[in-house]
PDB file of N, CA and C in Angstrom:
ATOM      1  N   MET A   1       5.124  -1.760  -9.045  1.00  0.00           N
ATOM      2  CA  MET A   1       4.108  -2.799  -9.080  1.00  0.00           C
ATOM      3  C   MET A   1       2.745  -2.105  -8.975  1.00  0.00           C
ATOM      4  N   ASP A   2       1.825  -2.528  -9.821  1.00  0.00           N
ATOM      5  CA  ASP A   2       0.518  -1.887  -9.761  1.00  0.00           C
ATOM      6  C   ASP A   2      -0.307  -2.454  -8.604  1.00  0.00           C
ATOM      7  N   ASP A   3      -1.364  -1.726  -8.258  1.00  0.00           N
ATOM      8  CA  ASP A   3      -2.189  -2.100  -7.101  1.00  0.00           C
ATOM      9  C   ASP A   3      -2.866  -3.452  -7.277  1.00  0.00           C
ATOM     10  N   THR A   4      -3.271  -3.793  -8.506  1.00  0.00           N
ATOM     11  CA  THR A   4      -3.946  -5.066  -8.744  1.00  0.00           C
ATOM     12  C   THR A   4      -3.009  -6.234  -8.472  1.00  0.00           C
ATOM     13  N   LEU A   5      -1.778  -6.146  -8.951  1.00  0.00           N
ATOM     14  CA  LEU A   5      -0.805  -7.203  -8.720  1.00  0.00           C
ATOM     15  C   LEU A   5      -0.479  -7.298  -7.226  1.00  0.00           C
ATOM     16  N   ARG A   6      -0.298  -6.166  -6.560  1.00  0.00           N
ATOM     17  CA  ARG A   6      -0.022  -6.176  -5.118  1.00  0.00           C
ATOM     18  C   ARG A   6      -1.180  -6.835  -4.370  1.00  0.00           C
ATOM     19  N   HIS A   7      -2.400  -6.566  -4.800  1.00  0.00           N
ATOM     20  CA  HIS A   7      -3.585  -7.161  -4.170  1.00  0.00           C
ATOM     21  C   HIS A   7      -3.588  -8.677  -4.370  1.00  0.00           C
ATOM     22  N   GLN A   8      -3.258  -9.146  -5.577  1.00  0.00           N
ATOM     23  CA  GLN A   8      -3.196 -10.586  -5.826  1.00  0.00           C
ATOM     24  C   GLN A   8      -2.132 -11.245  -4.954  1.00  0.00           C
ATOM     25  N   ILE A   9      -1.001 -10.592  -4.796  1.00  0.00           N
ATOM     26  CA  ILE A   9       0.059 -11.122  -3.940  1.00  0.00           C
ATOM     27  C   ILE A   9      -0.433 -11.201  -2.495  1.00  0.00           C
ATOM     28  N   ASP A  10      -1.087 -10.157  -2.037  1.00  0.00           N
ATOM     29  CA  ASP A  10      -1.621 -10.154  -0.670  1.00  0.00           C
ATOM     30  C   ASP A  10      -2.642 -11.265  -0.470  1.00  0.00           C
ATOM     31  N   LEU A  11      -3.502 -11.487  -1.459  1.00  0.00           N
ATOM     32  CA  LEU A  11      -4.524 -12.534  -1.360  1.00  0.00           C
ATOM     33  C   LEU A  11      -3.914 -13.933  -1.335  1.00  0.00           C
ATOM     34  N   ALA A  12      -2.741 -14.092  -1.923  1.00  0.00           N
ATOM     35  CA  ALA A  12      -2.084 -15.409  -1.942  1.00  0.00           C
ATOM     36  C   ALA A  12      -1.637 -15.832  -0.546  1.00  0.00           C
ATOM     37  N   ALA A  13      -1.544 -14.899   0.377  1.00  0.00           N
ATOM     38  CA  ALA A  13      -1.241 -15.177   1.789  1.00  0.00           C
ATOM     39  C   ALA A  13       0.053 -15.973   1.980  1.00  0.00           C
ATOM     40  N   PHE A  14       1.135 -15.408   1.494  1.00  0.00           N
ATOM     41  CA  PHE A  14       2.449 -16.011   1.716  1.00  0.00           C
ATOM     42  C   PHE A  14       2.794 -15.918   3.194  1.00  0.00           C
ATOM     43  N   PRO A  15       3.662 -16.805   3.685  1.00  0.00           N
ATOM     44  CA  PRO A  15       4.125 -16.674   5.069  1.00  0.00           C
ATOM     45  C   PRO A  15       4.721 -15.278   5.298  1.00  0.00           C
ATOM     46  N   ALA A  16       4.607 -14.782   6.509  1.00  0.00           N
ATOM     47  CA  ALA A  16       5.047 -13.418   6.820  1.00  0.00           C
ATOM     48  C   ALA A  16       6.523 -13.171   6.514  1.00  0.00           C
ATOM     49  N   ASP A  17       7.358 -14.199   6.596  1.00  0.00           N
ATOM     50  CA  ASP A  17       8.790 -14.009   6.359  1.00  0.00           C
ATOM     51  C   ASP A  17       9.194 -14.149   4.893  1.00  0.00           C
ATOM     52  N   VAL A  18       8.240 -14.346   4.005  1.00  0.00           N
ATOM     53  CA  VAL A  18       8.518 -14.452   2.569  1.00  0.00           C
ATOM     54  C   VAL A  18       8.118 -13.133   1.901  1.00  0.00           C
ATOM     55  N   GLN A  19       9.066 -12.543   1.191  1.00  0.00           N
ATOM     56  CA  GLN A  19       8.823 -11.313   0.448  1.00  0.00           C
ATOM     57  C   GLN A  19       8.562 -11.661  -1.011  1.00  0.00           C
ATOM     58  N   VAL A  20       7.496 -11.124  -1.578  1.00  0.00           N
ATOM     59  CA  VAL A  20       7.197 -11.351  -2.995  1.00  0.00           C
ATOM     60  C   VAL A  20       7.209  -9.997  -3.686  1.00  0.00           C
ATOM     61  N   THR A  21       8.030  -9.909  -4.725  1.00  0.00           N
ATOM     62  CA  THR A  21       8.158  -8.666  -5.470  1.00  0.00           C
ATOM     63  C   THR A  21       8.024  -8.929  -6.961  1.00  0.00           C
ATOM     64  N   HIS A  22       7.720  -7.868  -7.678  1.00  0.00           N
ATOM     65  CA  HIS A  22       7.659  -7.888  -9.140  1.00  0.00           C
ATOM     66  C   HIS A  22       8.981  -7.300  -9.613  1.00  0.00           C
ATOM     67  N   VAL A  23       9.710  -8.040 -10.429  1.00  0.00           N
ATOM     68  CA  VAL A  23      11.017  -7.572 -10.911  1.00  0.00           C
ATOM     69  C   VAL A  23      10.966  -7.386 -12.418  1.00  0.00           C
ATOM     70  N   PRO A  24      11.831  -6.532 -12.959  1.00  0.00           N
ATOM     71  CA  PRO A  24      11.841  -6.319 -14.408  1.00  0.00           C
ATOM     72  C   PRO A  24      12.153  -7.597 -15.170  1.00  0.00           C
ATOM     73  N   GLY A  25      11.527  -7.714 -16.304  1.00  0.00           N
ATOM     74  CA  GLY A  25      11.764  -8.859 -17.174  1.00  0.00           C
ATOM     75  C   GLY A  25      10.658  -8.949 -18.199  1.00  0.00           C
ATOM     76  N   PRO A  26      10.800  -9.845 -19.160  1.00  0.00           N
ATOM     77  CA  PRO A  26       9.741 -10.015 -20.153  1.00  0.00           C
ATOM     78  C   PRO A  26       8.503 -10.628 -19.506  1.00  0.00           C
ATOM     79  N   GLY A  27       7.355 -10.124 -19.842  1.00  0.00           N
ATOM     80  CA  GLY A  27       6.124 -10.590 -19.203  1.00  0.00           C
ATOM     81  C   GLY A  27       6.086 -10.082 -17.775  1.00  0.00           C
ATOM     82  N   VAL A  28       5.656 -10.923 -16.864  1.00  0.00           N
ATOM     83  CA  VAL A  28       5.623 -10.588 -15.439  1.00  0.00           C
ATOM     84  C   VAL A  28       6.565 -11.555 -14.737  1.00  0.00           C
ATOM     85  N   VAL A  29       7.533 -11.014 -14.014  1.00  0.00           N
ATOM     86  CA  VAL A  29       8.471 -11.834 -13.257  1.00  0.00           C
ATOM     87  C   VAL A  29       8.233 -11.563 -11.771  1.00  0.00           C
ATOM     88  N   LEU A  30       7.876 -12.609 -11.050  1.00  0.00           N
ATOM     89  CA  LEU A  30       7.628 -12.526  -9.612  1.00  0.00           C
ATOM     90  C   LEU A  30       8.769 -13.219  -8.892  1.00  0.00           C
ATOM     91  N   ARG A  31       9.237 -12.610  -7.813  1.00  0.00           N
ATOM     92  CA  ARG A  31      10.344 -13.179  -7.038  1.00  0.00           C
ATOM     93  C   ARG A  31       9.898 -13.354  -5.589  1.00  0.00           C
ATOM     94  N   ALA A  32      10.039 -14.579  -5.089  1.00  0.00           N
ATOM     95  CA  ALA A  32       9.776 -14.872  -3.679  1.00  0.00           C
ATOM     96  C   ALA A  32      11.123 -15.088  -3.010  1.00  0.00           C
ATOM     97  N   THR A  33      11.385 -14.376  -1.902  1.00  0.00           N
ATOM     98  CA  THR A  33      12.655 -14.505  -1.203  1.00  0.00           C
ATOM     99  C   THR A  33      12.428 -14.651   0.298  1.00  0.00           C
ATOM    100  N   ARG A  34      13.407 -15.328   0.907  1.00  0.00           N
ATOM    101  CA  ARG A  34      13.434 -15.463   2.364  1.00  0.00           C
ATOM    102  C   ARG A  34      14.867 -15.801   2.755  1.00  0.00           C
ATOM    103  N   GLU A  35      15.468 -14.974   3.587  1.00  0.00           N
ATOM    104  CA  GLU A  35      16.780 -15.244   4.176  1.00  0.00           C
ATOM    105  C   GLU A  35      17.838 -15.706   3.167  1.00  0.00           C
ATOM    106  N   GLY A  36      18.026 -14.954   2.088  1.00  0.00           N
ATOM    107  CA  GLY A  36      19.054 -15.288   1.107  1.00  0.00           C
ATOM    108  C   GLY A  36      18.688 -16.392   0.134  1.00  0.00           C
ATOM    109  N   ARG A  37      17.502 -16.895   0.252  1.00  0.00           N
ATOM    110  CA  ARG A  37      17.011 -17.927  -0.664  1.00  0.00           C
ATOM    111  C   ARG A  37      15.910 -17.300  -1.510  1.00  0.00           C
ATOM    112  N   GLY A  38      15.656 -17.890  -2.665  1.00  0.00           N
ATOM    113  CA  GLY A  38      14.598 -17.317  -3.480  1.00  0.00           C
ATOM    114  C   GLY A  38      14.345 -18.086  -4.759  1.00  0.00           C
ATOM    115  N   LEU A  39      13.275 -17.687  -5.407  1.00  0.00           N
ATOM    116  CA  LEU A  39      12.856 -18.298  -6.660  1.00  0.00           C
ATOM    117  C   LEU A  39      12.091 -17.255  -7.454  1.00  0.00           C
ATOM    118  N   GLU A  40      12.343 -17.214  -8.749  1.00  0.00           N
ATOM    119  CA  GLU A  40      11.590 -16.327  -9.632  1.00  0.00           C
ATOM    120  C   GLU A  40      10.689 -17.157 -10.532  1.00  0.00           C
ATOM    121  N   LEU A  41       9.559 -16.598 -10.860  1.00  0.00           N
ATOM    122  CA  LEU A  41       8.653 -17.244 -11.797  1.00  0.00           C
ATOM    123  C   LEU A  41       8.236 -16.203 -12.828  1.00  0.00           C
ATOM    124  N   GLN A  42       8.564 -16.489 -14.080  1.00  0.00           N
ATOM    125  CA  GLN A  42       8.239 -15.590 -15.190  1.00  0.00           C
ATOM    126  C   GLN A  42       6.969 -16.078 -15.868  1.00  0.00           C
ATOM    127  N   VAL A  43       6.004 -15.191 -15.997  1.00  0.00           N
ATOM    128  CA  VAL A  43       4.776 -15.476 -16.733  1.00  0.00           C
ATOM    129  C   VAL A  43       4.919 -14.752 -18.072  1.00  0.00           C
ATOM    130  N   THR A  44       5.054 -15.526 -19.141  1.00  0.00           N
ATOM    131  CA  THR A  44       5.282 -14.927 -20.455  1.00  0.00           C
ATOM    132  C   THR A  44       4.029 -14.207 -20.957  1.00  0.00           C
ATOM    133  N   PRO A  45       4.218 -13.248 -21.873  1.00  0.00           N
ATOM    134  CA  PRO A  45       3.060 -12.587 -22.470  1.00  0.00           C
ATOM    135  C   PRO A  45       2.115 -13.590 -23.142  1.00  0.00           C
ATOM    136  N   ASP A  46       2.656 -14.643 -23.772  1.00  0.00           N
ATOM    137  CA  ASP A  46       1.795 -15.658 -24.397  1.00  0.00           C
ATOM    138  C   ASP A  46       0.937 -16.368 -23.355  1.00  0.00           C
ATOM    139  N   ALA A  47       1.503 -16.684 -22.207  1.00  0.00           N
ATOM    140  CA  ALA A  47       0.729 -17.335 -21.149  1.00  0.00           C
ATOM    141  C   ALA A  47      -0.391 -16.420 -20.674  1.00  0.00           C
ATOM    142  N   GLN A  48      -0.090 -15.141 -20.534  1.00  0.00           N
ATOM    143  CA  GLN A  48      -1.123 -14.187 -20.113  1.00  0.00           C
ATOM    144  C   GLN A  48      -2.235 -14.087 -21.150  1.00  0.00           C
ATOM    145  N   ARG A  49      -1.840 -14.108 -22.416  1.00  0.00           N
ATOM    146  CA  ARG A  49      -2.834 -13.992 -23.494  1.00  0.00           C
ATOM    147  C   ARG A  49      -3.698 -15.247 -23.568  1.00  0.00           C
ATOM    148  N   ILE A  50      -3.080 -16.422 -23.492  1.00  0.00           N
ATOM    149  CA  ILE A  50      -3.807 -17.675 -23.653  1.00  0.00           C
ATOM    150  C   ILE A  50      -4.699 -17.979 -22.447  1.00  0.00           C
ATOM    151  N   TYR A  51      -4.143 -17.832 -21.244  1.00  0.00           N
ATOM    152  CA  TYR A  51      -4.882 -18.222 -20.035  1.00  0.00           C
ATOM    153  C   TYR A  51      -5.616 -17.059 -19.374  1.00  0.00           C
ATOM    154  N   GLY A  52      -5.288 -15.853 -19.775  1.00  0.00           N
ATOM    155  CA  GLY A  52      -5.844 -14.666 -19.140  1.00  0.00           C
ATOM    156  C   GLY A  52      -4.861 -14.175 -18.090  1.00  0.00           C
ATOM    157  N   GLU A  53      -4.741 -12.872 -17.977  1.00  0.00           N
ATOM    158  CA  GLU A  53      -3.749 -12.305 -17.059  1.00  0.00           C
ATOM    159  C   GLU A  53      -4.001 -12.734 -15.617  1.00  0.00           C
ATOM    160  N   GLY A  54      -5.238 -12.616 -15.155  1.00  0.00           N
ATOM    161  CA  GLY A  54      -5.559 -12.975 -13.772  1.00  0.00           C
ATOM    162  C   GLY A  54      -5.294 -14.438 -13.460  1.00  0.00           C
ATOM    163  N   PRO A  55      -5.848 -15.373 -14.249  1.00  0.00           N
ATOM    164  CA  PRO A  55      -5.592 -16.788 -13.976  1.00  0.00           C
ATOM    165  C   PRO A  55      -4.114 -17.175 -14.073  1.00  0.00           C
ATOM    166  N   ALA A  56      -3.386 -16.610 -15.034  1.00  0.00           N
ATOM    167  CA  ALA A  56      -1.965 -16.936 -15.169  1.00  0.00           C
ATOM    168  C   ALA A  56      -1.183 -16.456 -13.948  1.00  0.00           C
ATOM    169  N   LEU A  57      -1.472 -15.247 -13.474  1.00  0.00           N
ATOM    170  CA  LEU A  57      -0.776 -14.733 -12.295  1.00  0.00           C
ATOM    171  C   LEU A  57      -1.175 -15.503 -11.041  1.00  0.00           C
ATOM    172  N   SER A  58      -2.425 -15.883 -10.957  1.00  0.00           N
ATOM    173  CA  SER A  58      -2.883 -16.680  -9.818  1.00  0.00           C
ATOM    174  C   SER A  58      -2.154 -18.017  -9.766  1.00  0.00           C
ATOM    175  N   ALA A  59      -1.996 -18.668 -10.910  1.00  0.00           N
ATOM    176  CA  ALA A  59      -1.275 -19.942 -10.970  1.00  0.00           C
ATOM    177  C   ALA A  59       0.194 -19.743 -10.600  1.00  0.00           C
ATOM    178  N   ALA A  60       0.798 -18.661 -11.067  1.00  0.00           N
ATOM    179  CA  ALA A  60       2.195 -18.372 -10.746  1.00  0.00           C
ATOM    180  C   ALA A  60       2.369 -18.151  -9.248  1.00  0.00           C
ATOM    181  N   LEU A  61       1.475 -17.399  -8.651  1.00  0.00           N
ATOM    182  CA  LEU A  61       1.555 -17.145  -7.215  1.00  0.00           C
ATOM    183  C   LEU A  61       1.358 -18.426  -6.413  1.00  0.00           C
ATOM    184  N   ALA A  62       0.462 -19.290  -6.861  1.00  0.00           N
ATOM    185  CA  ALA A  62       0.248 -20.570  -6.176  1.00  0.00           C
ATOM    186  C   ALA A  62       1.522 -21.423  -6.228  1.00  0.00           C
ATOM    187  N   GLN A  63       2.203 -21.421  -7.374  1.00  0.00           N
ATOM    188  CA  GLN A  63       3.451 -22.184  -7.520  1.00  0.00           C
ATOM    189  C   GLN A  63       4.536 -21.611  -6.608  1.00  0.00           C
ATOM    190  N   LEU A  64       4.648 -20.285  -6.551  1.00  0.00           N
ATOM    191  CA  LEU A  64       5.639 -19.661  -5.672  1.00  0.00           C
ATOM    192  C   LEU A  64       5.339 -19.952  -4.203  1.00  0.00           C
ATOM    193  N   LYS A  65       4.080 -19.925  -3.847  1.00  0.00           N
ATOM    194  CA  LYS A  65       3.694 -20.207  -2.461  1.00  0.00           C
ATOM    195  C   LYS A  65       4.048 -21.647  -2.099  1.00  0.00           C
ATOM    196  N   GLN A  66       3.801 -22.577  -3.006  1.00  0.00           N
ATOM    197  CA  GLN A  66       4.141 -23.977  -2.775  1.00  0.00           C
ATOM    198  C   GLN A  66       5.658 -24.123  -2.617  1.00  0.00           C
ATOM    199  N   ALA A  67       6.423 -23.445  -3.457  1.00  0.00           N
ATOM    200  CA  ALA A  67       7.884 -23.505  -3.357  1.00  0.00           C
ATOM    201  C   ALA A  67       8.361 -22.922  -2.033  1.00  0.00           C
ATOM    202  N   ALA A  68       7.740 -21.843  -1.591  1.00  0.00           N
ATOM    203  CA  ALA A  68       8.120 -21.244  -0.309  1.00  0.00           C
ATOM    204  C   ALA A  68       7.834 -22.201   0.841  1.00  0.00           C
ATOM    205  N   ALA A  69       6.738 -22.923   0.763  1.00  0.00           N
ATOM    206  CA  ALA A  69       6.385 -23.880   1.818  1.00  0.00           C
ATOM    207  C   ALA A  69       7.351 -25.063   1.838  1.00  0.00           C
ATOM    208  N   GLN A  70       7.835 -25.460   0.668  1.00  0.00           N
ATOM    209  CA  GLN A  70       8.748 -26.600   0.566  1.00  0.00           C
ATOM    210  C   GLN A  70      10.196 -26.205   0.828  1.00  0.00           C
ATOM    211  N   GLY A  71      10.497 -24.928   0.762  1.00  0.00           N
ATOM    212  CA  GLY A  71      11.857 -24.443   0.965  1.00  0.00           C
ATOM    213  C   GLY A  71      12.422 -23.860  -0.310  1.00  0.00           C
ATOM    214  N   LEU A  72      12.660 -22.573  -0.316  1.00  0.00           N
ATOM    215  CA  LEU A  72      13.200 -21.906  -1.497  1.00  0.00           C
ATOM    216  C   LEU A  72      14.655 -22.297  -1.710  1.00  0.00           C
ATOM    217  N   PRO A  73      15.093 -22.384  -2.975  1.00  0.00           N
ATOM    218  CA  PRO A  73      16.495 -22.728  -3.241  1.00  0.00           C
ATOM    219  C   PRO A  73      17.430 -21.575  -2.869  1.00  0.00           C
ATOM    220  N   ASP A  74      18.686 -21.923  -2.594  1.00  0.00           N
ATOM    221  CA  ASP A  74      19.702 -20.903  -2.312  1.00  0.00           C
ATOM    222  C   ASP A  74      19.897 -20.010  -3.529  1.00  0.00           C
ATOM    223  N   ALA A  75      20.294 -18.767  -3.270  1.00  0.00           N
ATOM    224  CA  ALA A  75      20.657 -17.861  -4.361  1.00  0.00           C
ATOM    225  C   ALA A  75      21.913 -18.402  -5.040  1.00  0.00           C
ATOM    226  N   HIS A  76      22.077 -18.090  -6.319  1.00  0.00           N
ATOM    227  CA  HIS A  76      23.287 -18.448  -7.052  1.00  0.00           C
ATOM    228  C   HIS A  76      24.449 -17.604  -6.527  1.00  0.00           C
ATOM    229  N   ALA A  77      25.663 -17.998  -6.835  1.00  0.00           N
ATOM    230  CA  ALA A  77      26.854 -17.288  -6.364  1.00  0.00           C
ATOM    231  C   ALA A  77      26.850 -15.809  -6.766  1.00  0.00           C
ATOM    232  N   ASP A  78      26.256 -15.501  -7.923  1.00  0.00           N
ATOM    233  CA  ASP A  78      26.217 -14.112  -8.390  1.00  0.00           C
ATOM    234  C   ASP A  78      25.050 -13.319  -7.811  1.00  0.00           C
ATOM    235  N   GLY A  79      24.264 -13.935  -6.914  1.00  0.00           N
ATOM    236  CA  GLY A  79      23.137 -13.254  -6.284  1.00  0.00           C
ATOM    237  C   GLY A  79      21.820 -13.421  -7.024  1.00  0.00           C
ATOM    238  N   SER A  80      21.849 -14.032  -8.195  1.00  0.00           N
ATOM    239  CA  SER A  80      20.607 -14.257  -8.945  1.00  0.00           C
ATOM    240  C   SER A  80      19.888 -15.479  -8.382  1.00  0.00           C
ATOM    241  N   PHE A  81      18.658 -15.661  -8.828  1.00  0.00           N
ATOM    242  CA  PHE A  81      17.837 -16.763  -8.345  1.00  0.00           C
ATOM    243  C   PHE A  81      17.421 -17.673  -9.494  1.00  0.00           C
ATOM    244  N   GLU A  82      17.141 -18.920  -9.163  1.00  0.00           N
ATOM    245  CA  GLU A  82      16.584 -19.856 -10.137  1.00  0.00           C
ATOM    246  C   GLU A  82      15.284 -19.257 -10.673  1.00  0.00           C
ATOM    247  N   ARG A  83      15.026 -19.459 -11.966  1.00  0.00           N
ATOM    248  CA  ARG A  83      13.807 -18.919 -12.570  1.00  0.00           C
ATOM    249  C   ARG A  83      13.034 -20.023 -13.272  1.00  0.00           C
ATOM    250  N   LEU A  84      11.755 -20.121 -12.931  1.00  0.00           N
ATOM    251  CA  LEU A  84      10.821 -20.982 -13.647  1.00  0.00           C
ATOM    252  C   LEU A  84      10.079 -20.122 -14.650  1.00  0.00           C
ATOM    253  N   VAL A  85       9.658 -20.709 -15.755  1.00  0.00           N
ATOM    254  CA  VAL A  85       8.959 -19.948 -16.799  1.00  0.00           C
ATOM    255  C   VAL A  85       7.626 -20.612 -17.091  1.00  0.00           C
ATOM    256  N   PHE A  86       6.558 -19.806 -17.002  1.00  0.00           N
ATOM    257  CA  PHE A  86       5.200 -20.252 -17.308  1.00  0.00           C
ATOM    258  C   PHE A  86       4.895 -19.759 -18.718  1.00  0.00           C
ATOM    259  N   ILE A  87       4.861 -20.683 -19.675  1.00  0.00           N
ATOM    260  CA  ILE A  87       4.671 -20.315 -21.071  1.00  0.00           C
ATOM    261  C   ILE A  87       3.258 -20.659 -21.529  1.00  0.00           C
ATOM    262  N   GLY A  88       2.852 -20.065 -22.630  1.00  0.00           N
ATOM    263  CA  GLY A  88       1.601 -20.438 -23.277  1.00  0.00           C
ATOM    264  C   GLY A  88       1.846 -21.638 -24.166  1.00  0.00           C
ATOM    265  N   ASP A  89       0.868 -22.512 -24.272  1.00  0.00           N
ATOM    266  CA  ASP A  89       1.022 -23.698 -25.121  1.00  0.00           C
ATOM    267  C   ASP A  89       0.747 -23.365 -26.564  1.00  0.00           C
TER     268      ASP A  89
END
């Protein structure tokens, strides 16, 4: 994860028990986890191009933070997590 993305994650101020990581995938895939629960949010390259990389990632982080506050879904039986996709219009 590059320093700029790590800085944006830090600025989003997730609860201390929520881990946010950048995982491999098309575009930027962010994963928020806590105690075996989690959610991924994929920001497609089109979304980054249309909305701008910074604003698109900021919106993705805000959505993940809201999901963490409401309660992250359980992991799937295979250990994967539900994934939301932020696309460009």
